[in-house]
């Protein structure tokens, strides 16, 4: 299946950002801004993956973002991105109890980000949405269960096929808006780092 042009452009952009951040990290492993940009790019790239590949990219993003926080514990954009990563991971989990743990981690990250940058609209909105996320996850799981129940005479494999399609669409729609916000932050960070020097 071919990607729409704007998705393909985003994929190319964030893959380039990932590679650039990786090479910059080799030259300067203590650059918290670069690690944050790298983590943001990995979260964006996760949107183009499914299943375990998606989860692996989210985990790698969290690793990079946590490295940035070791260098600069007050780095609010890294905290916010980790919150988004935990939220994405929660929505990908079919186990509601596991999802609740990830939502709690996300909420804590959003609170810390807001403490470091009070009044930030993105952080406030993320914290507000985090309080609604467990209910949304539960509703999503209920819908998936009712869809599965609507195929009582189907074999196990054929009953799972519709579930996966609807489940995947809903999960990736939810993760999509989160990752879009991350993309904006990552893009702004990359744009700031590549501003040409002022003319004299």
N, C-alpha and C. Protein backbone atom coordinates (compact mmCIF):
# COMPACT_ATOMS: atom_id res chain seq x y z
N UNK A 1 0.83 -1.18 0.00
CA UNK A 1 0.00 0.00 0.00
C UNK A 1 0.87 1.24 0.00
N UNK A 2 0.61 2.14 -0.93
CA UNK A 2 1.40 3.34 -1.07
C UNK A 2 0.96 4.41 -0.08
N UNK A 3 1.92 5.14 0.47
CA UNK A 3 1.62 6.21 1.39
C UNK A 3 1.21 7.46 0.62
N UNK A 4 0.27 8.25 1.16
CA UNK A 4 -0.02 9.55 0.56
C UNK A 4 1.24 10.42 0.58
N UNK A 5 1.32 11.37 -0.33
CA UNK A 5 2.54 12.18 -0.47
C UNK A 5 2.94 12.88 0.82
N UNK A 6 1.96 13.46 1.55
CA UNK A 6 2.33 14.18 2.78
C UNK A 6 2.88 13.21 3.84
N UNK A 7 2.34 11.99 3.90
CA UNK A 7 2.89 10.99 4.83
C UNK A 7 4.29 10.55 4.40
N UNK A 8 4.47 10.39 3.11
CA UNK A 8 5.79 10.02 2.59
C UNK A 8 6.81 11.12 2.90
N UNK A 9 6.40 12.38 2.72
CA UNK A 9 7.29 13.51 3.05
C UNK A 9 7.66 13.49 4.53
N UNK A 10 6.67 13.24 5.40
CA UNK A 10 6.93 13.18 6.84
C UNK A 10 7.87 12.03 7.17
N UNK A 11 7.64 10.88 6.55
CA UNK A 11 8.50 9.72 6.78
C UNK A 11 9.94 10.03 6.40
N UNK A 12 10.13 10.63 5.24
CA UNK A 12 11.48 10.98 4.77
C UNK A 12 12.12 12.01 5.70
N UNK A 13 11.34 13.03 6.08
CA UNK A 13 11.85 14.09 6.96
C UNK A 13 12.32 13.52 8.29
N UNK A 14 11.48 12.70 8.93
CA UNK A 14 11.83 12.20 10.25
C UNK A 14 12.89 11.10 10.20
N UNK A 15 12.97 10.37 9.11
CA UNK A 15 14.07 9.42 8.96
C UNK A 15 15.39 10.17 8.80
N UNK A 16 15.36 11.27 8.04
CA UNK A 16 16.55 12.11 7.90
C UNK A 16 16.95 12.70 9.26
N UNK A 17 15.95 13.18 10.01
CA UNK A 17 16.21 13.75 11.34
C UNK A 17 16.82 12.69 12.25
N UNK A 18 16.29 11.48 12.21
CA UNK A 18 16.83 10.40 13.03
C UNK A 18 18.29 10.13 12.71
N UNK A 19 18.60 10.02 11.41
CA UNK A 19 19.98 9.73 11.00
C UNK A 19 20.92 10.87 11.38
N UNK A 20 20.46 12.10 11.16
CA UNK A 20 21.28 13.27 11.51
C UNK A 20 21.53 13.32 13.01
N UNK A 21 20.50 13.07 13.80
CA UNK A 21 20.65 13.08 15.26
C UNK A 21 21.59 11.98 15.73
N UNK A 22 21.48 10.82 15.09
CA UNK A 22 22.36 9.71 15.45
C UNK A 22 23.82 10.06 15.18
N UNK A 23 24.09 10.68 14.04
CA UNK A 23 25.49 11.04 13.74
C UNK A 23 25.97 12.19 14.63
N UNK A 24 25.07 13.15 14.95
CA UNK A 24 25.46 14.24 15.85
C UNK A 24 25.72 13.71 17.26
N UNK A 25 24.98 12.67 17.64
CA UNK A 25 25.17 12.07 18.96
C UNK A 25 26.55 11.43 19.07
N UNK A 26 27.02 10.84 17.99
CA UNK A 26 28.36 10.24 18.00
C UNK A 26 29.42 11.30 18.24
N UNK A 27 29.20 12.50 17.70
CA UNK A 27 30.16 13.59 17.86
C UNK A 27 30.02 14.28 19.22
N UNK A 28 28.78 14.36 19.72
CA UNK A 28 28.54 15.05 20.99
C UNK A 28 27.44 14.32 21.76
N UNK A 29 27.80 13.31 22.53
CA UNK A 29 26.79 12.51 23.24
C UNK A 29 26.09 13.25 24.39
N UNK A 30 26.56 14.45 24.75
CA UNK A 30 25.97 15.19 25.86
C UNK A 30 25.07 16.33 25.40
N UNK A 31 24.60 16.28 24.18
CA UNK A 31 23.71 17.31 23.64
C UNK A 31 22.25 16.90 23.90
N UNK A 32 21.66 17.48 24.95
CA UNK A 32 20.29 17.13 25.34
C UNK A 32 19.28 17.53 24.27
N UNK A 33 19.54 18.63 23.58
CA UNK A 33 18.62 19.08 22.52
C UNK A 33 18.60 18.06 21.37
N UNK A 34 19.77 17.58 21.00
CA UNK A 34 19.85 16.58 19.93
C UNK A 34 19.16 15.27 20.34
N UNK A 35 19.36 14.84 21.58
CA UNK A 35 18.71 13.61 22.05
C UNK A 35 17.19 13.76 22.04
N UNK A 36 16.70 14.94 22.39
CA UNK A 36 15.26 15.19 22.37
C UNK A 36 14.73 15.16 20.95
N UNK A 37 15.47 15.77 20.04
CA UNK A 37 15.08 15.76 18.63
C UNK A 37 15.06 14.32 18.10
N UNK A 38 16.07 13.54 18.48
CA UNK A 38 16.17 12.14 18.06
C UNK A 38 14.97 11.35 18.59
N UNK A 39 14.67 11.51 19.88
CA UNK A 39 13.52 10.82 20.46
C UNK A 39 12.21 11.21 19.78
N UNK A 40 12.04 12.50 19.48
CA UNK A 40 10.84 12.96 18.78
C UNK A 40 10.72 12.35 17.39
N UNK A 41 11.85 12.26 16.69
CA UNK A 41 11.84 11.65 15.35
C UNK A 41 11.47 10.17 15.43
N UNK A 42 11.98 9.47 16.43
CA UNK A 42 11.65 8.05 16.60
C UNK A 42 10.15 7.86 16.87
N UNK A 43 9.57 8.76 17.67
CA UNK A 43 8.13 8.68 17.93
C UNK A 43 7.33 8.90 16.66
N UNK A 44 7.78 9.83 15.84
CA UNK A 44 7.10 10.06 14.55
C UNK A 44 7.21 8.83 13.66
N UNK A 45 8.39 8.24 13.61
CA UNK A 45 8.60 7.05 12.78
C UNK A 45 7.78 5.86 13.28
N UNK A 46 7.52 5.82 14.58
CA UNK A 46 6.71 4.73 15.14
C UNK A 46 5.31 4.73 14.52
N UNK A 47 4.83 5.89 14.14
CA UNK A 47 3.49 6.00 13.56
C UNK A 47 3.39 5.22 12.25
N UNK A 48 4.50 5.00 11.59
CA UNK A 48 4.50 4.31 10.31
C UNK A 48 4.72 2.80 10.46
N UNK A 49 4.79 2.34 11.70
CA UNK A 49 5.02 0.93 11.97
C UNK A 49 3.77 0.33 12.62
N UNK A 50 3.76 -0.99 12.71
CA UNK A 50 2.67 -1.68 13.38
C UNK A 50 3.24 -2.68 14.37
N UNK A 51 2.39 -3.12 15.28
CA UNK A 51 2.75 -4.19 16.20
C UNK A 51 4.01 -3.91 17.00
N UNK A 52 4.83 -4.94 17.11
CA UNK A 52 6.03 -4.85 17.93
C UNK A 52 7.04 -3.85 17.38
N UNK A 53 7.09 -3.67 16.07
CA UNK A 53 8.02 -2.67 15.50
C UNK A 53 7.68 -1.27 16.01
N UNK A 54 6.40 -0.97 16.09
CA UNK A 54 5.95 0.31 16.62
C UNK A 54 6.35 0.46 18.08
N UNK A 55 6.09 -0.56 18.88
CA UNK A 55 6.42 -0.54 20.30
C UNK A 55 7.93 -0.39 20.50
N UNK A 56 8.72 -1.08 19.69
CA UNK A 56 10.18 -0.99 19.80
C UNK A 56 10.68 0.43 19.54
N UNK A 57 10.11 1.10 18.54
CA UNK A 57 10.51 2.47 18.25
C UNK A 57 10.11 3.41 19.40
N UNK A 58 8.94 3.17 19.98
CA UNK A 58 8.51 3.99 21.12
C UNK A 58 9.47 3.79 22.29
N UNK A 59 9.86 2.56 22.55
CA UNK A 59 10.80 2.28 23.64
C UNK A 59 12.16 2.93 23.38
N UNK A 60 12.61 2.87 22.14
CA UNK A 60 13.90 3.50 21.80
C UNK A 60 13.80 5.01 21.97
N UNK A 61 12.66 5.58 21.60
CA UNK A 61 12.45 7.02 21.77
C UNK A 61 12.53 7.39 23.25
N UNK A 62 11.89 6.61 24.11
CA UNK A 62 11.93 6.87 25.55
C UNK A 62 13.37 6.81 26.06
N UNK A 63 14.14 5.86 25.57
CA UNK A 63 15.55 5.75 25.98
C UNK A 63 16.31 7.02 25.64
N UNK A 64 16.15 7.52 24.42
CA UNK A 64 16.85 8.75 24.01
C UNK A 64 16.39 9.95 24.84
N UNK A 65 15.10 10.04 25.06
CA UNK A 65 14.55 11.16 25.82
C UNK A 65 15.00 11.11 27.28
N UNK A 66 15.08 9.92 27.85
CA UNK A 66 15.58 9.79 29.21
C UNK A 66 17.06 10.15 29.29
N UNK A 67 17.82 9.85 28.25
CA UNK A 67 19.23 10.27 28.20
C UNK A 67 19.31 11.80 28.22
N UNK A 68 18.41 12.46 27.50
CA UNK A 68 18.38 13.93 27.50
C UNK A 68 18.10 14.45 28.90
N UNK A 69 17.21 13.77 29.64
CA UNK A 69 16.88 14.22 31.00
C UNK A 69 18.01 13.97 31.99
N UNK A 70 18.84 12.98 31.73
CA UNK A 70 20.01 12.78 32.59
C UNK A 70 20.93 13.98 32.46
N UNK A 71 21.06 14.48 31.25
CA UNK A 71 21.92 15.64 30.98
C UNK A 71 21.26 16.92 31.50
N UNK A 72 19.96 17.06 31.26
CA UNK A 72 19.23 18.26 31.68
C UNK A 72 17.87 17.83 32.25
N UNK A 73 17.81 17.60 33.57
CA UNK A 73 16.58 17.10 34.19
C UNK A 73 15.38 18.04 34.06
N UNK A 74 15.60 19.30 33.73
CA UNK A 74 14.52 20.27 33.61
C UNK A 74 14.06 20.46 32.15
N UNK A 75 14.51 19.61 31.27
CA UNK A 75 14.19 19.74 29.84
C UNK A 75 12.73 19.38 29.62
N UNK A 76 11.88 20.39 29.64
CA UNK A 76 10.43 20.19 29.61
C UNK A 76 9.93 19.54 28.33
N UNK A 77 10.54 19.85 27.18
CA UNK A 77 10.06 19.24 25.94
C UNK A 77 10.38 17.74 25.90
N UNK A 78 11.48 17.33 26.53
CA UNK A 78 11.79 15.89 26.62
C UNK A 78 10.78 15.20 27.55
N UNK A 79 10.44 15.86 28.65
CA UNK A 79 9.44 15.30 29.56
C UNK A 79 8.10 15.12 28.84
N UNK A 80 7.72 16.14 28.09
CA UNK A 80 6.45 16.10 27.36
C UNK A 80 6.46 14.97 26.33
N UNK A 81 7.55 14.83 25.61
CA UNK A 81 7.66 13.76 24.61
C UNK A 81 7.59 12.38 25.25
N UNK A 82 8.21 12.22 26.42
CA UNK A 82 8.13 10.94 27.13
C UNK A 82 6.68 10.67 27.51
N UNK A 83 5.98 11.71 27.96
CA UNK A 83 4.56 11.55 28.26
C UNK A 83 3.78 11.07 27.06
N UNK A 84 4.07 11.64 25.90
CA UNK A 84 3.40 11.21 24.66
C UNK A 84 3.76 9.77 24.30
N UNK A 85 5.01 9.40 24.54
CA UNK A 85 5.43 8.03 24.25
C UNK A 85 4.68 7.04 25.15
N UNK A 86 4.57 7.37 26.45
CA UNK A 86 3.84 6.49 27.37
C UNK A 86 2.36 6.40 26.98
N UNK A 87 1.79 7.51 26.56
CA UNK A 87 0.38 7.51 26.14
C UNK A 87 0.21 6.62 24.91
N UNK A 88 1.09 6.77 23.94
CA UNK A 88 1.03 5.94 22.74
C UNK A 88 1.15 4.47 23.09
N UNK A 89 2.10 4.16 23.97
CA UNK A 89 2.32 2.78 24.39
C UNK A 89 1.06 2.23 25.08
N UNK A 90 0.43 3.06 25.90
CA UNK A 90 -0.78 2.63 26.61
C UNK A 90 -1.90 2.28 25.63
N UNK A 91 -2.10 3.12 24.61
CA UNK A 91 -3.17 2.85 23.65
C UNK A 91 -2.88 1.62 22.81
N UNK A 92 -1.63 1.26 22.67
CA UNK A 92 -1.28 0.06 21.92
C UNK A 92 -1.45 -1.22 22.74
N UNK A 93 -1.63 -1.07 24.05
CA UNK A 93 -1.76 -2.23 24.92
C UNK A 93 -3.22 -2.69 25.00
N UNK A 94 -3.49 -3.96 24.75
CA UNK A 94 -4.86 -4.47 24.90
C UNK A 94 -5.24 -4.68 26.37
N UNK A 95 -4.26 -4.74 27.26
CA UNK A 95 -4.50 -4.97 28.68
C UNK A 95 -4.74 -3.62 29.37
N UNK A 96 -5.95 -3.40 29.86
CA UNK A 96 -6.31 -2.11 30.45
C UNK A 96 -5.47 -1.79 31.68
N UNK A 97 -5.14 -2.79 32.50
CA UNK A 97 -4.33 -2.55 33.69
C UNK A 97 -2.92 -2.06 33.32
N UNK A 98 -2.36 -2.65 32.28
CA UNK A 98 -1.05 -2.20 31.78
C UNK A 98 -1.16 -0.78 31.23
N UNK A 99 -2.22 -0.53 30.48
CA UNK A 99 -2.43 0.80 29.91
C UNK A 99 -2.53 1.86 31.01
N UNK A 100 -3.22 1.53 32.10
CA UNK A 100 -3.37 2.47 33.22
C UNK A 100 -2.00 2.86 33.78
N UNK A 101 -1.08 1.91 33.86
CA UNK A 101 0.26 2.21 34.36
C UNK A 101 0.97 3.20 33.44
N UNK A 102 0.84 2.98 32.12
CA UNK A 102 1.48 3.90 31.16
C UNK A 102 0.81 5.28 31.20
N UNK A 103 -0.51 5.32 31.35
CA UNK A 103 -1.20 6.61 31.45
C UNK A 103 -0.73 7.37 32.70
N UNK A 104 -0.51 6.65 33.80
CA UNK A 104 -0.04 7.29 35.03
C UNK A 104 1.36 7.88 34.83
N UNK A 105 2.23 7.12 34.15
CA UNK A 105 3.57 7.63 33.85
C UNK A 105 3.49 8.88 32.96
N UNK A 106 2.59 8.82 31.97
CA UNK A 106 2.42 9.96 31.07
C UNK A 106 1.95 11.19 31.83
N UNK A 107 0.98 11.00 32.72
CA UNK A 107 0.45 12.11 33.51
C UNK A 107 1.56 12.75 34.34
N UNK A 108 2.38 11.93 34.95
CA UNK A 108 3.50 12.45 35.76
C UNK A 108 4.46 13.27 34.89
N UNK A 109 4.76 12.78 33.70
CA UNK A 109 5.65 13.52 32.79
C UNK A 109 5.04 14.85 32.37
N UNK A 110 3.74 14.84 32.05
CA UNK A 110 3.07 16.09 31.66
C UNK A 110 3.08 17.10 32.80
N UNK A 111 2.85 16.62 34.03
CA UNK A 111 2.88 17.51 35.20
C UNK A 111 4.26 18.13 35.37
N UNK A 112 5.28 17.30 35.26
CA UNK A 112 6.66 17.80 35.41
C UNK A 112 7.01 18.80 34.31
N UNK A 113 6.58 18.50 33.09
CA UNK A 113 6.84 19.43 31.98
C UNK A 113 6.17 20.77 32.24
N UNK A 114 4.94 20.73 32.73
CA UNK A 114 4.20 21.96 33.02
C UNK A 114 4.83 22.73 34.18
N UNK A 115 5.38 22.02 35.15
CA UNK A 115 6.10 22.69 36.24
C UNK A 115 7.31 23.45 35.72
N UNK A 116 7.99 22.86 34.74
CA UNK A 116 9.18 23.48 34.18
C UNK A 116 8.85 24.62 33.21
N UNK A 117 7.68 24.54 32.57
CA UNK A 117 7.27 25.57 31.61
C UNK A 117 5.78 25.90 31.85
N UNK A 118 5.50 26.60 32.95
CA UNK A 118 4.11 26.91 33.30
C UNK A 118 3.43 27.72 32.19
N UNK A 119 2.19 27.41 31.96
CA UNK A 119 1.42 28.14 30.97
C UNK A 119 1.55 27.60 29.55
N UNK A 120 2.36 26.58 29.33
CA UNK A 120 2.52 26.01 27.99
C UNK A 120 1.22 25.30 27.59
N UNK A 121 0.60 25.79 26.51
CA UNK A 121 -0.70 25.26 26.08
C UNK A 121 -0.64 23.78 25.70
N UNK A 122 0.43 23.36 25.04
CA UNK A 122 0.56 21.95 24.67
C UNK A 122 0.56 21.07 25.92
N UNK A 123 1.32 21.48 26.91
CA UNK A 123 1.45 20.68 28.12
C UNK A 123 0.14 20.64 28.89
N UNK A 124 -0.54 21.79 28.97
CA UNK A 124 -1.83 21.83 29.67
C UNK A 124 -2.86 20.94 28.97
N UNK A 125 -2.91 21.01 27.65
CA UNK A 125 -3.86 20.20 26.89
C UNK A 125 -3.53 18.71 27.04
N UNK A 126 -2.25 18.38 27.00
CA UNK A 126 -1.84 16.98 27.17
C UNK A 126 -2.23 16.44 28.53
N UNK A 127 -2.05 17.27 29.57
CA UNK A 127 -2.42 16.85 30.92
C UNK A 127 -3.94 16.66 31.01
N UNK A 128 -4.68 17.54 30.40
CA UNK A 128 -6.14 17.42 30.38
C UNK A 128 -6.57 16.14 29.65
N UNK A 129 -5.97 15.87 28.51
CA UNK A 129 -6.31 14.67 27.74
C UNK A 129 -5.88 13.40 28.47
N UNK A 130 -4.79 13.48 29.22
CA UNK A 130 -4.30 12.30 29.96
C UNK A 130 -5.33 11.86 31.00
N UNK A 131 -6.05 12.79 31.55
CA UNK A 131 -7.07 12.41 32.54
C UNK A 131 -8.24 11.67 31.89
N UNK A 132 -8.45 11.89 30.60
CA UNK A 132 -9.54 11.23 29.89
C UNK A 132 -9.08 9.95 29.18
N UNK A 133 -7.79 9.76 29.06
CA UNK A 133 -7.25 8.64 28.29
C UNK A 133 -7.66 7.26 28.82
N UNK A 134 -7.64 7.00 30.14
CA UNK A 134 -8.03 5.66 30.59
C UNK A 134 -9.47 5.31 30.20
N UNK A 135 -10.36 6.28 30.30
CA UNK A 135 -11.75 6.05 29.91
C UNK A 135 -11.86 5.78 28.41
N UNK A 136 -11.10 6.52 27.62
CA UNK A 136 -11.09 6.31 26.17
C UNK A 136 -10.56 4.92 25.83
N UNK A 137 -9.49 4.51 26.53
CA UNK A 137 -8.92 3.18 26.32
C UNK A 137 -9.93 2.10 26.65
N UNK A 138 -10.64 2.27 27.78
CA UNK A 138 -11.65 1.29 28.18
C UNK A 138 -12.76 1.21 27.16
N UNK A 139 -13.20 2.35 26.66
CA UNK A 139 -14.25 2.37 25.63
C UNK A 139 -13.77 1.69 24.35
N UNK A 140 -12.53 1.93 24.00
CA UNK A 140 -11.96 1.30 22.82
C UNK A 140 -11.95 -0.22 22.99
N UNK A 141 -11.58 -0.70 24.17
CA UNK A 141 -11.55 -2.15 24.42
C UNK A 141 -12.97 -2.74 24.40
N UNK A 142 -13.94 -1.99 24.90
CA UNK A 142 -15.34 -2.46 24.85
C UNK A 142 -15.80 -2.59 23.41
N UNK A 143 -15.49 -1.61 22.60
CA UNK A 143 -15.90 -1.65 21.19
C UNK A 143 -15.26 -2.84 20.48
N UNK A 144 -14.01 -3.08 20.78
CA UNK A 144 -13.32 -4.22 20.16
C UNK A 144 -13.95 -5.53 20.59
N UNK A 145 -14.32 -5.63 21.86
CA UNK A 145 -14.98 -6.85 22.35
C UNK A 145 -16.34 -7.05 21.69
N UNK A 146 -17.10 -5.97 21.53
CA UNK A 146 -18.42 -6.10 20.90
C UNK A 146 -18.29 -6.44 19.42
N UNK A 147 -17.25 -5.94 18.77
CA UNK A 147 -17.01 -6.30 17.37
C UNK A 147 -16.68 -7.78 17.25
N UNK A 148 -15.87 -8.25 18.17
CA UNK A 148 -15.50 -9.66 18.16
C UNK A 148 -16.73 -10.52 18.43
N UNK A 149 -17.60 -10.07 19.34
CA UNK A 149 -18.82 -10.83 19.67
C UNK A 149 -19.82 -10.83 18.51
N UNK A 150 -19.72 -9.86 17.62
CA UNK A 150 -20.66 -9.78 16.50
C UNK A 150 -20.37 -10.82 15.42
N UNK A 151 -19.29 -11.59 15.60
CA UNK A 151 -18.94 -12.65 14.66
C UNK A 151 -18.97 -14.01 15.38
N UNK A 152 -20.12 -14.41 15.99
CA UNK A 152 -20.12 -15.61 16.83
C UNK A 152 -19.86 -16.91 16.06
N UNK A 153 -20.30 -17.01 14.82
CA UNK A 153 -20.12 -18.25 14.08
C UNK A 153 -18.81 -18.32 13.33
N UNK A 154 -18.03 -17.24 13.40
CA UNK A 154 -16.77 -17.19 12.64
C UNK A 154 -15.70 -17.98 13.37
N UNK A 155 -14.76 -18.47 12.61
CA UNK A 155 -13.63 -19.17 13.21
C UNK A 155 -12.75 -18.15 13.92
N UNK A 156 -11.86 -18.63 14.76
CA UNK A 156 -11.00 -17.74 15.51
C UNK A 156 -10.19 -16.84 14.60
N UNK A 157 -9.64 -17.38 13.54
CA UNK A 157 -8.80 -16.56 12.67
C UNK A 157 -9.61 -15.53 11.91
N UNK A 158 -10.81 -15.88 11.46
CA UNK A 158 -11.60 -14.90 10.71
C UNK A 158 -12.22 -13.87 11.64
N UNK A 159 -12.47 -14.20 12.89
CA UNK A 159 -13.01 -13.24 13.84
C UNK A 159 -11.95 -12.22 14.22
N UNK A 160 -10.71 -12.64 14.20
CA UNK A 160 -9.64 -11.72 14.57
C UNK A 160 -9.32 -10.74 13.46
N UNK A 161 -9.55 -11.08 12.24
CA UNK A 161 -9.20 -10.19 11.13
C UNK A 161 -9.92 -8.85 11.21
N UNK A 162 -11.26 -8.82 11.37
CA UNK A 162 -11.92 -7.53 11.49
C UNK A 162 -11.46 -6.77 12.73
N UNK A 163 -11.23 -7.49 13.82
CA UNK A 163 -10.78 -6.84 15.05
C UNK A 163 -9.47 -6.11 14.81
N UNK A 164 -8.54 -6.78 14.17
CA UNK A 164 -7.23 -6.17 13.94
C UNK A 164 -7.35 -4.92 13.09
N UNK A 165 -8.15 -4.98 12.05
CA UNK A 165 -8.28 -3.82 11.18
C UNK A 165 -8.88 -2.64 11.91
N UNK A 166 -10.01 -2.82 12.58
CA UNK A 166 -10.67 -1.73 13.32
C UNK A 166 -9.81 -1.29 14.49
N UNK A 167 -9.27 -2.27 15.22
CA UNK A 167 -8.44 -2.00 16.36
C UNK A 167 -7.23 -1.16 15.94
N UNK A 168 -6.57 -1.59 14.90
CA UNK A 168 -5.39 -0.88 14.41
C UNK A 168 -5.75 0.53 13.97
N UNK A 169 -6.85 0.68 13.24
CA UNK A 169 -7.25 2.00 12.77
C UNK A 169 -7.50 2.93 13.95
N UNK A 170 -8.25 2.48 14.93
CA UNK A 170 -8.58 3.32 16.07
C UNK A 170 -7.34 3.65 16.88
N UNK A 171 -6.52 2.64 17.15
CA UNK A 171 -5.31 2.88 17.92
C UNK A 171 -4.40 3.87 17.21
N UNK A 172 -4.23 3.69 15.91
CA UNK A 172 -3.31 4.56 15.19
C UNK A 172 -3.90 5.95 14.97
N UNK A 173 -5.22 6.08 14.94
CA UNK A 173 -5.83 7.41 14.90
C UNK A 173 -5.54 8.16 16.20
N UNK A 174 -5.70 7.46 17.32
CA UNK A 174 -5.45 8.08 18.61
C UNK A 174 -3.97 8.44 18.74
N UNK A 175 -3.12 7.50 18.40
CA UNK A 175 -1.68 7.78 18.49
C UNK A 175 -1.27 8.85 17.48
N UNK A 176 -1.98 8.89 16.38
CA UNK A 176 -1.64 9.86 15.34
C UNK A 176 -1.67 11.30 15.82
N UNK A 177 -2.73 11.67 16.56
CA UNK A 177 -2.79 13.07 17.00
C UNK A 177 -1.71 13.36 18.02
N UNK A 178 -1.37 12.38 18.85
CA UNK A 178 -0.29 12.58 19.80
C UNK A 178 1.05 12.75 19.08
N UNK A 179 1.27 11.90 18.13
CA UNK A 179 2.55 11.92 17.43
C UNK A 179 2.66 13.15 16.54
N UNK A 180 1.53 13.64 16.01
CA UNK A 180 1.55 14.87 15.23
C UNK A 180 2.07 16.02 16.09
N UNK A 181 1.58 16.11 17.32
CA UNK A 181 2.04 17.16 18.23
C UNK A 181 3.54 17.02 18.49
N UNK A 182 4.00 15.78 18.67
CA UNK A 182 5.43 15.53 18.88
C UNK A 182 6.20 15.98 17.64
N UNK A 183 5.64 15.69 16.48
CA UNK A 183 6.29 16.08 15.22
C UNK A 183 6.49 17.57 15.11
N UNK A 184 5.49 18.31 15.54
CA UNK A 184 5.59 19.77 15.49
C UNK A 184 6.74 20.24 16.36
N UNK A 185 6.83 19.69 17.58
CA UNK A 185 7.91 20.06 18.49
C UNK A 185 9.27 19.66 17.91
N UNK A 186 9.34 18.45 17.37
CA UNK A 186 10.61 17.98 16.78
C UNK A 186 11.01 18.84 15.59
N UNK A 187 10.03 19.18 14.76
CA UNK A 187 10.32 19.99 13.59
C UNK A 187 10.80 21.38 14.01
N UNK A 188 10.13 21.98 15.00
CA UNK A 188 10.55 23.29 15.48
C UNK A 188 11.95 23.23 16.06
N UNK A 189 12.24 22.17 16.79
CA UNK A 189 13.58 22.01 17.35
C UNK A 189 14.63 21.88 16.27
N UNK A 190 14.32 21.11 15.23
CA UNK A 190 15.26 20.94 14.14
C UNK A 190 15.43 22.25 13.36
N UNK A 191 14.33 22.95 13.16
CA UNK A 191 14.39 24.23 12.44
C UNK A 191 15.25 25.23 13.20
N UNK A 192 15.11 25.26 14.54
CA UNK A 192 15.92 26.17 15.36
C UNK A 192 17.40 25.83 15.26
N UNK A 193 17.71 24.55 15.21
CA UNK A 193 19.11 24.14 15.19
C UNK A 193 19.78 24.37 13.83
N UNK A 194 18.99 24.62 12.79
CA UNK A 194 19.54 24.82 11.46
C UNK A 194 19.28 26.21 10.91
N UNK A 195 19.08 27.19 11.81
CA UNK A 195 18.91 28.56 11.39
C UNK A 195 20.24 29.09 10.91
N UNK A 196 20.29 29.75 9.72
CA UNK A 196 21.57 30.28 9.25
C UNK A 196 22.06 31.41 10.16
N UNK A 197 23.38 31.56 10.27
CA UNK A 197 23.90 32.62 11.11
C UNK A 197 23.51 33.99 10.55
N UNK A 198 23.37 35.02 11.42
CA UNK A 198 22.99 36.34 10.94
C UNK A 198 24.06 36.91 10.02
N UNK A 199 23.63 37.66 9.02
CA UNK A 199 24.55 38.31 8.09
C UNK A 199 25.18 39.53 8.74
N UNK A 200 26.45 39.74 8.47
CA UNK A 200 27.15 40.90 9.07
C UNK A 200 27.33 41.97 8.04
